[in-house]
Amino acid sequence: MRLLSRAAQSATRSRPVQPAQRRRRPKSATVLALAAILTGVALLAAGGYLLWGHRVAQREEHRRDEFTAAASQAVITLLSIDSAKAKDNVRQIIDNSTGQFRDDFQAEAEDFIKTAEASRAVTKATAQVAAVDSMTENSATVLVTAATTVSNSAGANQQPRNWRLSVDMVDEGQQIKLAKVEFIP
């Protein structure tokens, strides 16, 4: 037995000892290719994020423009009263308004019409500047400056009068309507 064990020992001694397998390092071309792929993916992700942000900003700017245009038109409608067409002017104001403002204006409409007809005057308004103060998904507070000129039946023309208004506008789906008016001193 001793003989066998010595034979086995000599057989193992005669085999060359192999070093433990070393970890193979990736070639530089592989590392560069992986880095290029990761950089490309990162650039695509950044580009997608920037494009998404740009579209959100464009949508917001478009909504801001819609609210500004609607507020300017609402102020012109509100301030432009012709004594000969007072009923039509009041109907137009009511049709383009909503909420508590509409309810309050509608309740006082007859008195407003009588006063306008008795004045025998024509008031023409122009919106000069409008800007969104704050905005949500379906409403905005818009600051508007306007000027009105009044002419009466005697042919007298008054100097333009300037107004500053804060108007709340609400998008009711198919139309943006006037919800609140506040005159700013």
Protein backbone atom coordinates (compact mmCIF):
# COMPACT_ATOMS: atom_id res chain seq x y z
CA MET A 1 0.00 0.00 0.00
CA ARG A 2 2.84 2.13 0.69
CA LEU A 3 4.01 1.49 -2.75
CA LEU A 4 0.82 2.65 -4.28
CA SER A 5 0.66 5.70 -2.23
CA ARG A 6 4.23 6.59 -3.22
CA ALA A 7 3.40 5.96 -6.83
CA ALA A 8 0.38 8.18 -6.54
CA GLN A 9 2.46 10.81 -4.85
CA SER A 10 5.14 10.71 -7.52
CA ALA A 11 2.49 10.96 -10.24
CA THR A 12 1.03 14.06 -8.68
CA ARG A 13 4.49 15.55 -8.23
CA SER A 14 5.41 15.02 -11.85
CA ARG A 15 2.41 16.96 -13.13
CA PRO A 16 3.12 20.59 -13.59
CA VAL A 17 1.36 22.74 -11.08
CA GLN A 18 -1.10 25.10 -12.82
CA PRO A 19 -1.57 28.48 -11.31
CA ALA A 20 -5.08 29.42 -10.15
CA GLN A 21 -7.12 30.87 -13.01
CA ARG A 22 -6.86 34.60 -13.12
CA ARG A 23 -9.85 36.80 -13.92
CA ARG A 24 -9.76 37.83 -17.46
CA ARG A 25 -9.91 41.58 -17.97
CA PRO A 26 -12.14 42.82 -20.77
CA LYS A 27 -10.42 44.18 -23.80
CA SER A 28 -10.30 47.94 -24.17
CA ALA A 29 -12.52 47.77 -27.28
CA THR A 30 -15.25 46.06 -25.24
CA VAL A 31 -15.02 48.68 -22.51
CA LEU A 32 -15.20 51.48 -25.07
CA ALA A 33 -18.20 49.90 -26.81
CA LEU A 34 -20.04 49.52 -23.51
CA ALA A 35 -19.24 53.12 -22.56
CA ALA A 36 -20.50 54.33 -25.95
CA ILE A 37 -23.75 52.39 -25.58
CA LEU A 38 -24.34 53.72 -22.06
CA THR A 39 -23.57 57.27 -23.20
CA GLY A 40 -25.98 56.92 -26.12
CA VAL A 41 -28.77 55.64 -23.86
CA ALA A 42 -28.15 58.49 -21.40
CA LEU A 43 -28.25 61.06 -24.22
CA LEU A 44 -31.48 59.59 -25.61
CA ALA A 45 -33.07 59.71 -22.15
CA ALA A 46 -31.96 63.32 -21.63
CA GLY A 47 -33.24 64.29 -25.08
CA GLY A 48 -36.60 62.65 -24.40
CA TYR A 49 -36.90 64.47 -21.09
CA LEU A 50 -36.06 67.82 -22.70
CA LEU A 51 -38.58 67.21 -25.50
CA TRP A 52 -41.28 66.34 -22.96
CA GLY A 53 -40.49 69.50 -20.97
CA HIS A 54 -40.63 71.60 -24.13
CA ARG A 55 -44.05 70.22 -25.07
CA VAL A 56 -45.39 70.89 -21.58
CA ALA A 57 -44.10 74.47 -21.79
CA GLN A 58 -45.69 74.94 -25.24
CA ARG A 59 -49.03 73.62 -23.98
CA GLU A 60 -48.88 75.97 -20.99
CA GLU A 61 -48.00 78.94 -23.21
CA HIS A 62 -50.92 78.10 -25.52
CA ARG A 63 -53.32 77.95 -22.54
CA ARG A 64 -51.93 81.26 -21.24
CA ASP A 65 -52.56 82.85 -24.66
CA GLU A 66 -56.12 81.47 -24.73
CA PHE A 67 -56.90 82.87 -21.27
CA THR A 68 -55.33 86.24 -22.14
CA ALA A 69 -57.32 86.57 -25.38
CA ALA A 70 -60.58 85.52 -23.68
CA ALA A 71 -60.01 87.97 -20.81
CA SER A 72 -59.26 90.84 -23.19
CA GLN A 73 -62.44 90.14 -25.14
CA ALA A 74 -64.50 89.79 -21.94
CA VAL A 75 -63.28 93.18 -20.69
CA ILE A 76 -64.08 94.81 -24.04
CA THR A 77 -67.57 93.27 -23.95
CA LEU A 78 -68.09 94.35 -20.35
CA LEU A 79 -66.98 97.96 -20.85
CA SER A 80 -68.43 98.60 -24.34
CA ILE A 81 -72.05 99.66 -23.92
CA ASP A 82 -74.20 101.32 -26.56
CA SER A 83 -77.42 102.85 -25.20
CA ALA A 84 -79.23 101.94 -28.43
CA LYS A 85 -78.19 98.28 -28.08
CA ALA A 86 -78.14 97.96 -24.29
CA LYS A 87 -80.25 94.77 -24.21
CA ASP A 88 -77.95 93.06 -26.72
CA ASN A 89 -74.85 94.26 -24.84
CA VAL A 90 -76.19 92.90 -21.55
CA ARG A 91 -77.21 89.59 -23.17
CA GLN A 92 -73.67 89.27 -24.56
CA ILE A 93 -72.14 89.90 -21.12
CA ILE A 94 -74.43 87.29 -19.54
CA ASP A 95 -73.71 84.74 -22.29
CA ASN A 96 -69.94 85.16 -21.81
CA SER A 97 -69.94 84.93 -18.02
CA THR A 98 -70.39 82.20 -15.44
CA GLY A 99 -70.75 81.54 -11.73
CA GLN A 100 -71.53 84.17 -9.13
CA PHE A 101 -70.64 87.05 -11.45
CA ARG A 102 -73.23 85.87 -13.99
CA ASP A 103 -75.88 85.40 -11.30
CA ASP A 104 -75.25 88.86 -9.83
CA PHE A 105 -75.14 90.59 -13.21
CA GLN A 106 -78.28 88.82 -14.40
CA ALA A 107 -80.13 89.91 -11.24
CA GLU A 108 -79.24 93.56 -11.94
CA ALA A 109 -79.59 93.38 -15.74
CA GLU A 110 -82.88 95.30 -16.02
CA ASP A 111 -81.60 98.20 -13.94
CA PHE A 112 -78.36 98.22 -15.94
CA ILE A 113 -80.29 98.34 -19.23
CA LYS A 114 -82.52 101.21 -18.02
CA THR A 115 -79.49 103.21 -16.87
CA ALA A 116 -77.63 102.61 -20.14
CA GLU A 117 -80.64 103.59 -22.27
CA ALA A 118 -81.25 106.72 -20.20
CA SER A 119 -77.63 107.84 -20.60
CA ARG A 120 -77.90 107.96 -24.40
CA ALA A 121 -74.17 107.40 -24.56
CA VAL A 122 -71.89 105.02 -26.38
CA THR A 123 -68.89 103.63 -24.55
CA LYS A 124 -66.20 101.93 -26.61
CA ALA A 125 -63.47 99.96 -24.91
CA THR A 126 -60.12 98.67 -26.07
CA ALA A 127 -57.94 96.23 -24.19
CA GLN A 128 -54.39 97.50 -24.12
CA VAL A 129 -52.36 94.92 -22.24
CA ALA A 130 -53.27 91.59 -20.66
CA ALA A 131 -51.18 89.09 -18.73
CA VAL A 132 -51.89 85.94 -16.74
CA ASP A 133 -51.29 86.42 -13.03
CA SER A 134 -51.97 82.82 -12.03
CA MET A 135 -53.28 79.77 -13.85
CA THR A 136 -54.59 76.28 -13.16
CA GLU A 137 -55.69 73.57 -15.55
CA ASN A 138 -59.10 75.18 -16.23
CA SER A 139 -58.99 78.70 -14.76
CA ALA A 140 -56.81 81.78 -14.68
CA THR A 141 -56.60 85.19 -13.10
CA VAL A 142 -55.72 87.72 -15.78
CA LEU A 143 -54.69 91.34 -15.30
CA VAL A 144 -56.03 93.60 -18.05
CA THR A 145 -55.58 97.29 -18.74
CA ALA A 146 -58.24 98.89 -20.89
CA ALA A 147 -59.26 102.31 -22.11
CA THR A 148 -62.80 103.56 -22.68
CA THR A 149 -64.07 106.53 -24.63
CA VAL A 150 -67.57 107.84 -24.10
CA SER A 151 -69.59 109.84 -26.59
CA ASN A 152 -73.11 111.07 -25.86
CA SER A 153 -76.08 112.19 -27.94
CA ALA A 154 -75.02 115.83 -27.72
CA GLY A 155 -71.92 114.92 -29.70
CA ALA A 156 -69.51 115.42 -26.85
CA ASN A 157 -66.52 113.11 -26.73
CA GLN A 158 -64.72 112.58 -23.49
CA GLN A 159 -61.06 111.87 -23.03
CA PRO A 160 -60.21 108.18 -22.80
CA ARG A 161 -60.41 106.74 -19.33
CA ASN A 162 -57.97 104.03 -18.32
CA TRP A 163 -58.96 100.99 -16.29
CA ARG A 164 -57.03 98.22 -14.59
CA LEU A 165 -58.93 95.04 -13.94
CA SER A 166 -58.28 91.64 -12.46
CA VAL A 167 -60.56 89.08 -14.07
CA ASP A 168 -61.01 85.42 -13.23
CA MET A 169 -61.62 83.27 -16.29
CA VAL A 170 -62.96 79.70 -16.25
CA ASP A 171 -62.73 77.19 -19.08
CA GLU A 172 -66.13 75.52 -19.35
CA GLY A 173 -65.06 73.08 -22.04
CA GLN A 174 -66.17 74.83 -25.21
CA GLN A 175 -65.69 78.42 -24.09
CA ILE A 176 -63.62 80.38 -21.61
CA LYS A 177 -65.96 82.59 -19.59
CA LEU A 178 -65.71 85.51 -17.20
CA ALA A 179 -66.21 84.43 -13.57
CA LYS A 180 -65.15 87.46 -11.53
CA VAL A 181 -64.21 91.09 -12.13
CA GLU A 182 -62.27 93.32 -9.79
CA PHE A 183 -61.35 96.90 -10.64
CA ILE A 184 -57.86 97.75 -9.41
CA PRO A 185 -57.25 101.34 -8.27
